[in-house]
Amino acid sequence: YDWELRISTLINIYNIDTLDVLHNWLITQGIKEQNIDYNLCIYPQE
């Protein structure tokens, strides 16, 4: 139906070392690289 599908990922202390694993899996599922959005976690500051 030509819907715009995106993935939003919050960069944080837990996933910083494994973002490539998620990124590569999403690509294999058919998500376009330009449709994966990354945002820096500022809150909670921990």
ModelCIF file with pLDDT and N, C-alpha, C, O atoms, coordinates in Angstrom:
data_MODEL
#
_entry.id   MODEL 
#
_entity.id                         1 
_entity.type                       polymer 
_entity.pdbx_number_of_molecules   1 
#
_entity_poly.entity_id                      1 
_entity_poly.type                           'polypeptide(L)' 
_entity_poly.nstd_linkage                   no 
_entity_poly.nstd_monomer                   no 
_entity_poly.pdbx_seq_one_letter_code       YDWELRISTLINIYNIDTLDVLHNWLITQGIKEQNIDYNLCIYPQE 
_entity_poly.pdbx_seq_one_letter_code_can   YDWELRISTLINIYNIDTLDVLHNWLITQGIKEQNIDYNLCIYPQE 
_entity_poly.pdbx_strand_id                 A 
#
loop_
_entity_poly_seq.entity_id 
_entity_poly_seq.num 
_entity_poly_seq.mon_id 
_entity_poly_seq.hetero 
1 1  TYR n 
1 2  ASP n 
1 3  TRP n 
1 4  GLU n 
1 5  LEU n 
1 6  ARG n 
1 7  ILE n 
1 8  SER n 
1 9  THR n 
1 10 LEU n 
1 11 ILE n 
1 12 ASN n 
1 13 ILE n 
1 14 TYR n 
1 15 ASN n 
1 16 ILE n 
1 17 ASP n 
1 18 THR n 
1 19 LEU n 
1 20 ASP n 
1 21 VAL n 
1 22 LEU n 
1 23 HIS n 
1 24 ASN n 
1 25 TRP n 
1 26 LEU n 
1 27 ILE n 
1 28 THR n 
1 29 GLN n 
1 30 GLY n 
1 31 ILE n 
1 32 LYS n 
1 33 GLU n 
1 34 GLN n 
1 35 ASN n 
1 36 ILE n 
1 37 ASP n 
1 38 TYR n 
1 39 ASN n 
1 40 LEU n 
1 41 CYS n 
1 42 ILE n 
1 43 TYR n 
1 44 PRO n 
1 45 GLN n 
1 46 GLU n 
#
_struct_asym.id          A 
_struct_asym.entity_id   1 
#
loop_
_ma_qa_metric.id 
_ma_qa_metric.mode 
_ma_qa_metric.name 
_ma_qa_metric.software_group_id 
_ma_qa_metric.type 
1 global pLDDT . pLDDT 
2 local  pLDDT . pLDDT 
#
_ma_qa_metric_global.metric_id      1 
_ma_qa_metric_global.metric_value   95.50 
_ma_qa_metric_global.model_id       1 
_ma_qa_metric_global.ordinal_id     1 
#
loop_
_ma_qa_metric_local.label_asym_id 
_ma_qa_metric_local.label_comp_id 
_ma_qa_metric_local.label_seq_id 
_ma_qa_metric_local.metric_id 
_ma_qa_metric_local.metric_value 
_ma_qa_metric_local.model_id 
_ma_qa_metric_local.ordinal_id 
A TYR 1  2 96.00 1 1  
A ASP 2  2 94.00 1 2  
A TRP 3  2 96.00 1 3  
A GLU 4  2 94.00 1 4  
A LEU 5  2 97.00 1 5  
A ARG 6  2 96.00 1 6  
A ILE 7  2 98.00 1 7  
A SER 8  2 97.00 1 8  
A THR 9  2 97.00 1 9  
A LEU 10 2 97.00 1 10 
A ILE 11 2 97.00 1 11 
A ASN 12 2 98.00 1 12 
A ILE 13 2 98.00 1 13 
A TYR 14 2 98.00 1 14 
A ASN 15 2 98.00 1 15 
A ILE 16 2 97.00 1 16 
A ASP 17 2 96.00 1 17 
A THR 18 2 96.00 1 18 
A LEU 19 2 96.00 1 19 
A ASP 20 2 97.00 1 20 
A VAL 21 2 97.00 1 21 
A LEU 22 2 98.00 1 22 
A HIS 23 2 97.00 1 23 
A ASN 24 2 97.00 1 24 
A TRP 25 2 98.00 1 25 
A LEU 26 2 98.00 1 26 
A ILE 27 2 97.00 1 27 
A THR 28 2 98.00 1 28 
A GLN 29 2 98.00 1 29 
A GLY 30 2 97.00 1 30 
A ILE 31 2 97.00 1 31 
A LYS 32 2 95.00 1 32 
A GLU 33 2 95.00 1 33 
A GLN 34 2 91.00 1 34 
A ASN 35 2 94.00 1 35 
A ILE 36 2 96.00 1 36 
A ASP 37 2 93.00 1 37 
A TYR 38 2 93.00 1 38 
A ASN 39 2 92.00 1 39 
A LEU 40 2 93.00 1 40 
A CYS 41 2 93.00 1 41 
A ILE 42 2 86.00 1 42 
A TYR 43 2 87.00 1 43 
A PRO 44 2 92.00 1 44 
A GLN 45 2 93.00 1 45 
A GLU 46 2 95.00 1 46 
#
loop_
_atom_site.group_PDB 
_atom_site.id 
_atom_site.type_symbol 
_atom_site.label_atom_id 
_atom_site.label_alt_id 
_atom_site.label_comp_id 
_atom_site.label_asym_id 
_atom_site.label_entity_id 
_atom_site.label_seq_id 
_atom_site.pdbx_PDB_ins_code 
_atom_site.Cartn_x 
_atom_site.Cartn_y 
_atom_site.Cartn_z 
_atom_site.occupancy 
_atom_site.B_iso_or_equiv 
_atom_site.pdbx_formal_charge 
_atom_site.auth_seq_id 
_atom_site.auth_comp_id 
_atom_site.auth_asym_id 
_atom_site.auth_atom_id 
_atom_site.pdbx_PDB_model_num 
ATOM 1   N N  . TYR A 1 1  ? 0.808  -1.229 0.000  1.00 96.00 ? 1  TYR A N  1 
ATOM 2   C CA . TYR A 1 1  ? 0.000  0.000  0.000  1.00 96.00 ? 1  TYR A CA 1 
ATOM 3   C C  . TYR A 1 1  ? 0.840  1.279  0.000  1.00 96.00 ? 1  TYR A C  1 
ATOM 4   O O  . TYR A 1 1  ? 0.302  2.373  0.172  1.00 96.00 ? 1  TYR A O  1 
ATOM 5   N N  . ASP A 1 2  ? 2.149  1.147  -0.191 1.00 94.00 ? 2  ASP A N  1 
ATOM 6   C CA . ASP A 1 2  ? 3.047  2.305  -0.245 1.00 94.00 ? 2  ASP A CA 1 
ATOM 7   C C  . ASP A 1 2  ? 3.017  3.104  1.060  1.00 94.00 ? 2  ASP A C  1 
ATOM 8   O O  . ASP A 1 2  ? 2.998  4.335  1.050  1.00 94.00 ? 2  ASP A O  1 
ATOM 9   N N  . TRP A 1 3  ? 3.013  2.384  2.174  1.00 96.00 ? 3  TRP A N  1 
ATOM 10  C CA . TRP A 1 3  ? 3.128  3.038  3.468  1.00 96.00 ? 3  TRP A CA 1 
ATOM 11  C C  . TRP A 1 3  ? 4.597  3.312  3.756  1.00 96.00 ? 3  TRP A C  1 
ATOM 12  O O  . TRP A 1 3  ? 5.480  2.601  3.278  1.00 96.00 ? 3  TRP A O  1 
ATOM 13  N N  . GLU A 1 4  ? 4.842  4.345  4.538  1.00 94.00 ? 4  GLU A N  1 
ATOM 14  C CA . GLU A 1 4  ? 6.211  4.675  4.944  1.00 94.00 ? 4  GLU A CA 1 
ATOM 15  C C  . GLU A 1 4  ? 6.484  3.991  6.276  1.00 94.00 ? 4  GLU A C  1 
ATOM 16  O O  . GLU A 1 4  ? 5.923  4.378  7.301  1.00 94.00 ? 4  GLU A O  1 
ATOM 17  N N  . LEU A 1 5  ? 7.339  2.985  6.267  1.00 97.00 ? 5  LEU A N  1 
ATOM 18  C CA . LEU A 1 5  ? 7.667  2.218  7.464  1.00 97.00 ? 5  LEU A CA 1 
ATOM 19  C C  . LEU A 1 5  ? 9.093  2.531  7.886  1.00 97.00 ? 5  LEU A C  1 
ATOM 20  O O  . LEU A 1 5  ? 10.027 2.445  7.089  1.00 97.00 ? 5  LEU A O  1 
ATOM 21  N N  . ARG A 1 6  ? 9.246  2.902  9.182  1.00 96.00 ? 6  ARG A N  1 
ATOM 22  C CA . ARG A 1 6  ? 10.549 3.259  9.691  1.00 96.00 ? 6  ARG A CA 1 
ATOM 23  C C  . ARG A 1 6  ? 10.795 2.574  11.035 1.00 96.00 ? 6  ARG A C  1 
ATOM 24  O O  . ARG A 1 6  ? 9.867  2.166  11.732 1.00 96.00 ? 6  ARG A O  1 
ATOM 25  N N  . ILE A 1 7  ? 12.067 2.466  11.366 1.00 98.00 ? 7  ILE A N  1 
ATOM 26  C CA . ILE A 1 7  ? 12.480 1.954  12.665 1.00 98.00 ? 7  ILE A CA 1 
ATOM 27  C C  . ILE A 1 7  ? 13.185 3.080  13.405 1.00 98.00 ? 7  ILE A C  1 
ATOM 28  O O  . ILE A 1 7  ? 14.032 3.773  12.842 1.00 98.00 ? 7  ILE A O  1 
ATOM 29  N N  . SER A 1 8  ? 12.825 3.256  14.671 1.00 97.00 ? 8  SER A N  1 
ATOM 30  C CA . SER A 1 8  ? 13.471 4.268  15.506 1.00 97.00 ? 8  SER A CA 1 
ATOM 31  C C  . SER A 1 8  ? 14.240 3.565  16.623 1.00 97.00 ? 8  SER A C  1 
ATOM 32  O O  . SER A 1 8  ? 13.687 2.757  17.369 1.00 97.00 ? 8  SER A O  1 
ATOM 33  N N  . THR A 1 9  ? 15.530 3.894  16.719 1.00 97.00 ? 9  THR A N  1 
ATOM 34  C CA . THR A 1 9  ? 16.401 3.255  17.703 1.00 97.00 ? 9  THR A CA 1 
ATOM 35  C C  . THR A 1 9  ? 17.049 4.310  18.591 1.00 97.00 ? 9  THR A C  1 
ATOM 36  O O  . THR A 1 9  ? 17.617 5.286  18.100 1.00 97.00 ? 9  THR A O  1 
ATOM 37  N N  . LEU A 1 10 ? 16.959 4.104  19.891 1.00 97.00 ? 10 LEU A N  1 
ATOM 38  C CA . LEU A 1 10 ? 17.524 5.033  20.865 1.00 97.00 ? 10 LEU A CA 1 
ATOM 39  C C  . LEU A 1 10 ? 18.916 4.544  21.262 1.00 97.00 ? 10 LEU A C  1 
ATOM 40  O O  . LEU A 1 10 ? 19.059 3.467  21.841 1.00 97.00 ? 10 LEU A O  1 
ATOM 41  N N  . ILE A 1 11 ? 19.930 5.331  20.954 1.00 97.00 ? 11 ILE A N  1 
ATOM 42  C CA . ILE A 1 11 ? 21.308 4.960  21.263 1.00 97.00 ? 11 ILE A CA 1 
ATOM 43  C C  . ILE A 1 11 ? 21.563 5.173  22.750 1.00 97.00 ? 11 ILE A C  1 
ATOM 44  O O  . ILE A 1 11 ? 21.433 6.291  23.248 1.00 97.00 ? 11 ILE A O  1 
ATOM 45  N N  . ASN A 1 12 ? 21.924 4.110  23.461 1.00 98.00 ? 12 ASN A N  1 
ATOM 46  C CA . ASN A 1 12 ? 22.087 4.182  24.906 1.00 98.00 ? 12 ASN A CA 1 
ATOM 47  C C  . ASN A 1 12 ? 23.204 3.253  25.366 1.00 98.00 ? 12 ASN A C  1 
ATOM 48  O O  . ASN A 1 12 ? 23.816 2.558  24.555 1.00 98.00 ? 12 ASN A O  1 
ATOM 49  N N  . ILE A 1 13 ? 23.465 3.246  26.660 1.00 98.00 ? 13 ILE A N  1 
ATOM 50  C CA . ILE A 1 13 ? 24.593 2.472  27.179 1.00 98.00 ? 13 ILE A CA 1 
ATOM 51  C C  . ILE A 1 13 ? 24.426 0.972  26.958 1.00 98.00 ? 13 ILE A C  1 
ATOM 52  O O  . ILE A 1 13 ? 25.418 0.244  26.906 1.00 98.00 ? 13 ILE A O  1 
ATOM 53  N N  . TYR A 1 14 ? 23.200 0.502  26.830 1.00 98.00 ? 14 TYR A N  1 
ATOM 54  C CA . TYR A 1 14 ? 22.959 -0.932 26.687 1.00 98.00 ? 14 TYR A CA 1 
ATOM 55  C C  . TYR A 1 14 ? 23.194 -1.437 25.259 1.00 98.00 ? 14 TYR A C  1 
ATOM 56  O O  . TYR A 1 14 ? 23.631 -2.572 25.071 1.00 98.00 ? 14 TYR A O  1 
ATOM 57  N N  . ASN A 1 15 ? 22.909 -0.612 24.264 1.00 98.00 ? 15 ASN A N  1 
ATOM 58  C CA . ASN A 1 15 ? 22.962 -1.113 22.882 1.00 98.00 ? 15 ASN A CA 1 
ATOM 59  C C  . ASN A 1 15 ? 24.132 -0.592 22.065 1.00 98.00 ? 15 ASN A C  1 
ATOM 60  O O  . ASN A 1 15 ? 24.299 -0.986 20.911 1.00 98.00 ? 15 ASN A O  1 
ATOM 61  N N  . ILE A 1 16 ? 24.950 0.293  22.644 1.00 97.00 ? 16 ILE A N  1 
ATOM 62  C CA . ILE A 1 16 ? 25.993 0.942  21.856 1.00 97.00 ? 16 ILE A CA 1 
ATOM 63  C C  . ILE A 1 16 ? 26.983 -0.061 21.261 1.00 97.00 ? 16 ILE A C  1 
ATOM 64  O O  . ILE A 1 16 ? 27.561 0.187  20.203 1.00 97.00 ? 16 ILE A O  1 
ATOM 65  N N  . ASP A 1 17 ? 27.176 -1.195 21.945 1.00 96.00 ? 17 ASP A N  1 
ATOM 66  C CA . ASP A 1 17 ? 28.148 -2.180 21.467 1.00 96.00 ? 17 ASP A CA 1 
ATOM 67  C C  . ASP A 1 17 ? 27.546 -3.199 20.507 1.00 96.00 ? 17 ASP A C  1 
ATOM 68  O O  . ASP A 1 17 ? 28.267 -4.023 19.945 1.00 96.00 ? 17 ASP A O  1 
ATOM 69  N N  . THR A 1 18 ? 26.210 -3.146 20.311 1.00 96.00 ? 18 THR A N  1 
ATOM 70  C CA . THR A 1 18 ? 25.562 -4.162 19.466 1.00 96.00 ? 18 THR A CA 1 
ATOM 71  C C  . THR A 1 18 ? 24.632 -3.554 18.418 1.00 96.00 ? 18 THR A C  1 
ATOM 72  O O  . THR A 1 18 ? 23.790 -4.259 17.863 1.00 96.00 ? 18 THR A O  1 
ATOM 73  N N  . LEU A 1 19 ? 24.767 -2.271 18.143 1.00 96.00 ? 19 LEU A N  1 
ATOM 74  C CA . LEU A 1 19 ? 23.903 -1.643 17.140 1.00 96.00 ? 19 LEU A CA 1 
ATOM 75  C C  . LEU A 1 19 ? 24.052 -2.301 15.776 1.00 96.00 ? 19 LEU A C  1 
ATOM 76  O O  . LEU A 1 19 ? 23.094 -2.359 15.004 1.00 96.00 ? 19 LEU A O  1 
ATOM 77  N N  . ASP A 1 20 ? 25.244 -2.796 15.478 1.00 97.00 ? 20 ASP A N  1 
ATOM 78  C CA . ASP A 1 20 ? 25.460 -3.434 14.178 1.00 97.00 ? 20 ASP A CA 1 
ATOM 79  C C  . ASP A 1 20 ? 24.630 -4.711 14.033 1.00 97.00 ? 20 ASP A C  1 
ATOM 80  O O  . ASP A 1 20 ? 24.176 -5.035 12.936 1.00 97.00 ? 20 ASP A O  1 
ATOM 81  N N  . VAL A 1 21 ? 24.433 -5.435 15.142 1.00 97.00 ? 21 VAL A N  1 
ATOM 82  C CA . VAL A 1 21 ? 23.634 -6.666 15.099 1.00 97.00 ? 21 VAL A CA 1 
ATOM 83  C C  . VAL A 1 21 ? 22.193 -6.338 14.729 1.00 97.00 ? 21 VAL A C  1 
ATOM 84  O O  . VAL A 1 21 ? 21.612 -6.976 13.851 1.00 97.00 ? 21 VAL A O  1 
ATOM 85  N N  . LEU A 1 22 ? 21.619 -5.345 15.398 1.00 98.00 ? 22 LEU A N  1 
ATOM 86  C CA . LEU A 1 22 ? 20.245 -4.937 15.084 1.00 98.00 ? 22 LEU A CA 1 
ATOM 87  C C  . LEU A 1 22 ? 20.162 -4.387 13.671 1.00 98.00 ? 22 LEU A C  1 
ATOM 88  O O  . LEU A 1 22 ? 19.271 -4.756 12.907 1.00 98.00 ? 22 LEU A O  1 
ATOM 89  N N  . HIS A 1 23 ? 21.083 -3.512 13.328 1.00 97.00 ? 23 HIS A N  1 
ATOM 90  C CA . HIS A 1 23 ? 21.065 -2.870 12.005 1.00 97.00 ? 23 HIS A CA 1 
ATOM 91  C C  . HIS A 1 23 ? 21.085 -3.927 10.897 1.00 97.00 ? 23 HIS A C  1 
ATOM 92  O O  . HIS A 1 23 ? 20.286 -3.870 9.962  1.00 97.00 ? 23 HIS A O  1 
ATOM 93  N N  . ASN A 1 24 ? 21.989 -4.875 11.006 1.00 97.00 ? 24 ASN A N  1 
ATOM 94  C CA . ASN A 1 24 ? 22.119 -5.898 9.964  1.00 97.00 ? 24 ASN A CA 1 
ATOM 95  C C  . ASN A 1 24 ? 20.886 -6.792 9.904  1.00 97.00 ? 24 ASN A C  1 
ATOM 96  O O  . ASN A 1 24 ? 20.468 -7.199 8.820  1.00 97.00 ? 24 ASN A O  1 
ATOM 97  N N  . TRP A 1 25 ? 20.299 -7.103 11.064 1.00 98.00 ? 25 TRP A N  1 
ATOM 98  C CA . TRP A 1 25 ? 19.084 -7.918 11.071 1.00 98.00 ? 25 TRP A CA 1 
ATOM 99  C C  . TRP A 1 25 ? 17.936 -7.184 10.387 1.00 98.00 ? 25 TRP A C  1 
ATOM 100 O O  . TRP A 1 25 ? 17.189 -7.787 9.616  1.00 98.00 ? 25 TRP A O  1 
ATOM 101 N N  . LEU A 1 26 ? 17.790 -5.894 10.660 1.00 98.00 ? 26 LEU A N  1 
ATOM 102 C CA . LEU A 1 26 ? 16.721 -5.113 10.032 1.00 98.00 ? 26 LEU A CA 1 
ATOM 103 C C  . LEU A 1 26 ? 16.872 -5.091 8.512  1.00 98.00 ? 26 LEU A C  1 
ATOM 104 O O  . LEU A 1 26 ? 15.883 -5.176 7.784  1.00 98.00 ? 26 LEU A O  1 
ATOM 105 N N  . ILE A 1 27 ? 18.096 -4.977 8.043  1.00 97.00 ? 27 ILE A N  1 
ATOM 106 C CA . ILE A 1 27 ? 18.342 -4.980 6.598  1.00 97.00 ? 27 ILE A CA 1 
ATOM 107 C C  . ILE A 1 27 ? 17.924 -6.322 5.991  1.00 97.00 ? 27 ILE A C  1 
ATOM 108 O O  . ILE A 1 27 ? 17.324 -6.361 4.917  1.00 97.00 ? 27 ILE A O  1 
ATOM 109 N N  . THR A 1 28 ? 18.240 -7.410 6.675  1.00 98.00 ? 28 THR A N  1 
ATOM 110 C CA . THR A 1 28 ? 17.867 -8.732 6.147  1.00 98.00 ? 28 THR A CA 1 
ATOM 111 C C  . THR A 1 28 ? 16.353 -8.917 6.125  1.00 98.00 ? 28 THR A C  1 
ATOM 112 O O  . THR A 1 28 ? 15.840 -9.706 5.332  1.00 98.00 ? 28 THR A O  1 
ATOM 113 N N  . GLN A 1 29 ? 15.635 -8.202 6.983  1.00 98.00 ? 29 GLN A N  1 
ATOM 114 C CA . GLN A 1 29 ? 14.175 -8.308 7.013  1.00 98.00 ? 29 GLN A CA 1 
ATOM 115 C C  . GLN A 1 29 ? 13.508 -7.477 5.915  1.00 98.00 ? 29 GLN A C  1 
ATOM 116 O O  . GLN A 1 29 ? 12.315 -7.631 5.656  1.00 98.00 ? 29 GLN A O  1 
ATOM 117 N N  . GLY A 1 30 ? 14.276 -6.601 5.273  1.00 97.00 ? 30 GLY A N  1 
ATOM 118 C CA . GLY A 1 30 ? 13.715 -5.793 4.200  1.00 97.00 ? 30 GLY A CA 1 
ATOM 119 C C  . GLY A 1 30 ? 13.554 -4.322 4.535  1.00 97.00 ? 30 GLY A C  1 
ATOM 120 O O  . GLY A 1 30 ? 12.954 -3.579 3.758  1.00 97.00 ? 30 GLY A O  1 
ATOM 121 N N  . ILE A 1 31 ? 14.083 -3.876 5.692  1.00 97.00 ? 31 ILE A N  1 
ATOM 122 C CA . ILE A 1 31 ? 14.057 -2.455 6.031  1.00 97.00 ? 31 ILE A CA 1 
ATOM 123 C C  . ILE A 1 31 ? 15.212 -1.762 5.323  1.00 97.00 ? 31 ILE A C  1 
ATOM 124 O O  . ILE A 1 31 ? 16.355 -2.214 5.396  1.00 97.00 ? 31 ILE A O  1 
ATOM 125 N N  . LYS A 1 32 ? 14.910 -0.664 4.637  1.00 95.00 ? 32 LYS A N  1 
ATOM 126 C CA . LYS A 1 32 ? 15.958 0.072  3.950  1.00 95.00 ? 32 LYS A CA 1 
ATOM 127 C C  . LYS A 1 32 ? 16.836 0.803  4.961  1.00 95.00 ? 32 LYS A C  1 
ATOM 128 O O  . LYS A 1 32 ? 16.354 1.282  5.988  1.00 95.00 ? 32 LYS A O  1 
ATOM 129 N N  . GLU A 1 33 ? 18.119 0.881  4.661  1.00 95.00 ? 33 GLU A N  1 
ATOM 130 C CA . GLU A 1 33 ? 19.056 1.519  5.591  1.00 95.00 ? 33 GLU A CA 1 
ATOM 131 C C  . GLU A 1 33 ? 18.652 2.946  5.914  1.00 95.00 ? 33 GLU A C  1 
ATOM 132 O O  . GLU A 1 33 ? 18.777 3.387  7.056  1.00 95.00 ? 33 GLU A O  1 
ATOM 133 N N  . GLN A 1 34 ? 18.165 3.676  4.905  1.00 91.00 ? 34 GLN A N  1 
ATOM 134 C CA . GLN A 1 34 ? 17.781 5.074  5.131  1.00 91.00 ? 34 GLN A CA 1 
ATOM 135 C C  . GLN A 1 34 ? 16.489 5.194  5.938  1.00 91.00 ? 34 GLN A C  1 
ATOM 136 O O  . GLN A 1 34 ? 16.092 6.298  6.309  1.00 91.00 ? 34 GLN A O  1 
ATOM 137 N N  . ASN A 1 35 ? 15.835 4.071  6.209  1.00 94.00 ? 35 ASN A N  1 
ATOM 138 C CA . ASN A 1 35 ? 14.602 4.077  6.994  1.00 94.00 ? 35 ASN A CA 1 
ATOM 139 C C  . ASN A 1 35 ? 14.834 3.658  8.441  1.00 94.00 ? 35 ASN A C  1 
ATOM 140 O O  . ASN A 1 35 ? 13.885 3.357  9.165  1.00 94.00 ? 35 ASN A O  1 
ATOM 141 N N  . ILE A 1 36 ? 16.097 3.640  8.861  1.00 96.00 ? 36 ILE A N  1 
ATOM 142 C CA . ILE A 1 36 ? 16.431 3.358  10.256 1.00 96.00 ? 36 ILE A CA 1 
ATOM 143 C C  . ILE A 1 36 ? 16.938 4.657  10.871 1.00 96.00 ? 36 ILE A C  1 
ATOM 144 O O  . ILE A 1 36 ? 17.968 5.191  10.458 1.00 96.00 ? 36 ILE A O  1 
ATOM 145 N N  . ASP A 1 37 ? 16.213 5.152  11.850 1.00 93.00 ? 37 ASP A N  1 
ATOM 146 C CA . ASP A 1 37 ? 16.551 6.425  12.489 1.00 93.00 ? 37 ASP A CA 1 
ATOM 147 C C  . ASP A 1 37 ? 17.181 6.183  13.848 1.00 93.00 ? 37 ASP A C  1 
ATOM 148 O O  . ASP A 1 37 ? 16.674 5.398  14.649 1.00 93.00 ? 37 ASP A O  1 
ATOM 149 N N  . TYR A 1 38 ? 18.288 6.862  14.099 1.00 93.00 ? 38 TYR A N  1 
ATOM 150 C CA . TYR A 1 38 ? 18.992 6.735  15.367 1.00 93.00 ? 38 TYR A CA 1 
ATOM 151 C C  . TYR A 1 38 ? 18.930 8.053  16.127 1.00 93.00 ? 38 TYR A C  1 
ATOM 152 O O  . TYR A 1 38 ? 19.192 9.120  15.574 1.00 93.00 ? 38 TYR A O  1 
ATOM 153 N N  . ASN A 1 39 ? 18.577 7.956  17.407 1.00 92.00 ? 39 ASN A N  1 
ATOM 154 C CA . ASN A 1 39 ? 18.507 9.130  18.267 1.00 92.00 ? 39 ASN A CA 1 
ATOM 155 C C  . ASN A 1 39 ? 19.352 8.897  19.511 1.00 92.00 ? 39 ASN A C  1 
ATOM 156 O O  . ASN A 1 39 ? 19.363 7.796  20.062 1.00 92.00 ? 39 ASN A O  1 
ATOM 157 N N  . LEU A 1 40 ? 20.047 9.916  19.946 1.00 93.00 ? 40 LEU A N  1 
ATOM 158 C CA . LEU A 1 40 ? 20.862 9.812  21.152 1.00 93.00 ? 40 LEU A CA 1 
ATOM 159 C C  . LEU A 1 40 ? 19.984 9.890  22.396 1.00 93.00 ? 40 LEU A C  1 
ATOM 160 O O  . LEU A 1 40 ? 19.114 10.755 22.498 1.00 93.00 ? 40 LEU A O  1 
ATOM 161 N N  . CYS A 1 41 ? 20.213 8.995  23.328 1.00 93.00 ? 41 CYS A N  1 
ATOM 162 C CA . CYS A 1 41 ? 19.504 9.029  24.605 1.00 93.00 ? 41 CYS A CA 1 
ATOM 163 C C  . CYS A 1 41 ? 20.151 10.091 25.503 1.00 93.00 ? 41 CYS A C  1 
ATOM 164 O O  . CYS A 1 41 ? 21.325 9.988  25.858 1.00 93.00 ? 41 CYS A O  1 
ATOM 165 N N  . ILE A 1 42 ? 19.373 11.100 25.858 1.00 86.00 ? 42 ILE A N  1 
ATOM 166 C CA . ILE A 1 42 ? 19.827 12.146 26.767 1.00 86.00 ? 42 ILE A CA 1 
ATOM 167 C C  . ILE A 1 42 ? 19.117 12.016 28.119 1.00 86.00 ? 42 ILE A C  1 
ATOM 168 O O  . ILE A 1 42 ? 19.679 12.334 29.166 1.00 86.00 ? 42 ILE A O  1 
ATOM 169 N N  . TYR A 1 43 ? 17.875 11.545 28.067 1.00 87.00 ? 43 TYR A N  1 
ATOM 170 C CA . TYR A 1 43 ? 17.093 11.332 29.286 1.00 87.00 ? 43 TYR A CA 1 
ATOM 171 C C  . TYR A 1 43 ? 16.529 9.914  29.277 1.00 87.00 ? 43 TYR A C  1 
ATOM 172 O O  . TYR A 1 43 ? 16.033 9.472  28.241 1.00 87.00 ? 43 TYR A O  1 
ATOM 173 N N  . PRO A 1 44 ? 16.587 9.184  30.396 1.00 92.00 ? 44 PRO A N  1 
ATOM 174 C CA . PRO A 1 44 ? 17.272 9.585  31.623 1.00 92.00 ? 44 PRO A CA 1 
ATOM 175 C C  . PRO A 1 44 ? 18.786 9.657  31.429 1.00 92.00 ? 44 PRO A C  1 
ATOM 176 O O  . PRO A 1 44 ? 19.365 8.874  30.677 1.00 92.00 ? 44 PRO A O  1 
ATOM 177 N N  . GLN A 1 45 ? 19.407 10.598 32.112 1.00 93.00 ? 45 GLN A N  1 
ATOM 178 C CA . GLN A 1 45 ? 20.822 10.851 31.863 1.00 93.00 ? 45 GLN A CA 1 
ATOM 179 C C  . GLN A 1 45 ? 21.703 9.660  32.228 1.00 93.00 ? 45 GLN A C  1 
ATOM 180 O O  . GLN A 1 45 ? 22.838 9.567  31.761 1.00 93.00 ? 45 GLN A O  1 
ATOM 181 N N  . GLU A 1 46 ? 21.191 8.744  33.062 1.00 95.00 ? 46 GLU A N  1 
ATOM 182 C CA . GLU A 1 46 ? 21.966 7.555  33.418 1.00 95.00 ? 46 GLU A CA 1 
ATOM 183 C C  . GLU A 1 46 ? 22.240 6.658  32.216 1.00 95.00 ? 46 GLU A C  1 
ATOM 184 O O  . GLU A 1 46 ? 22.882 5.617  32.357 1.00 95.00 ? 46 GLU A O  1 
#
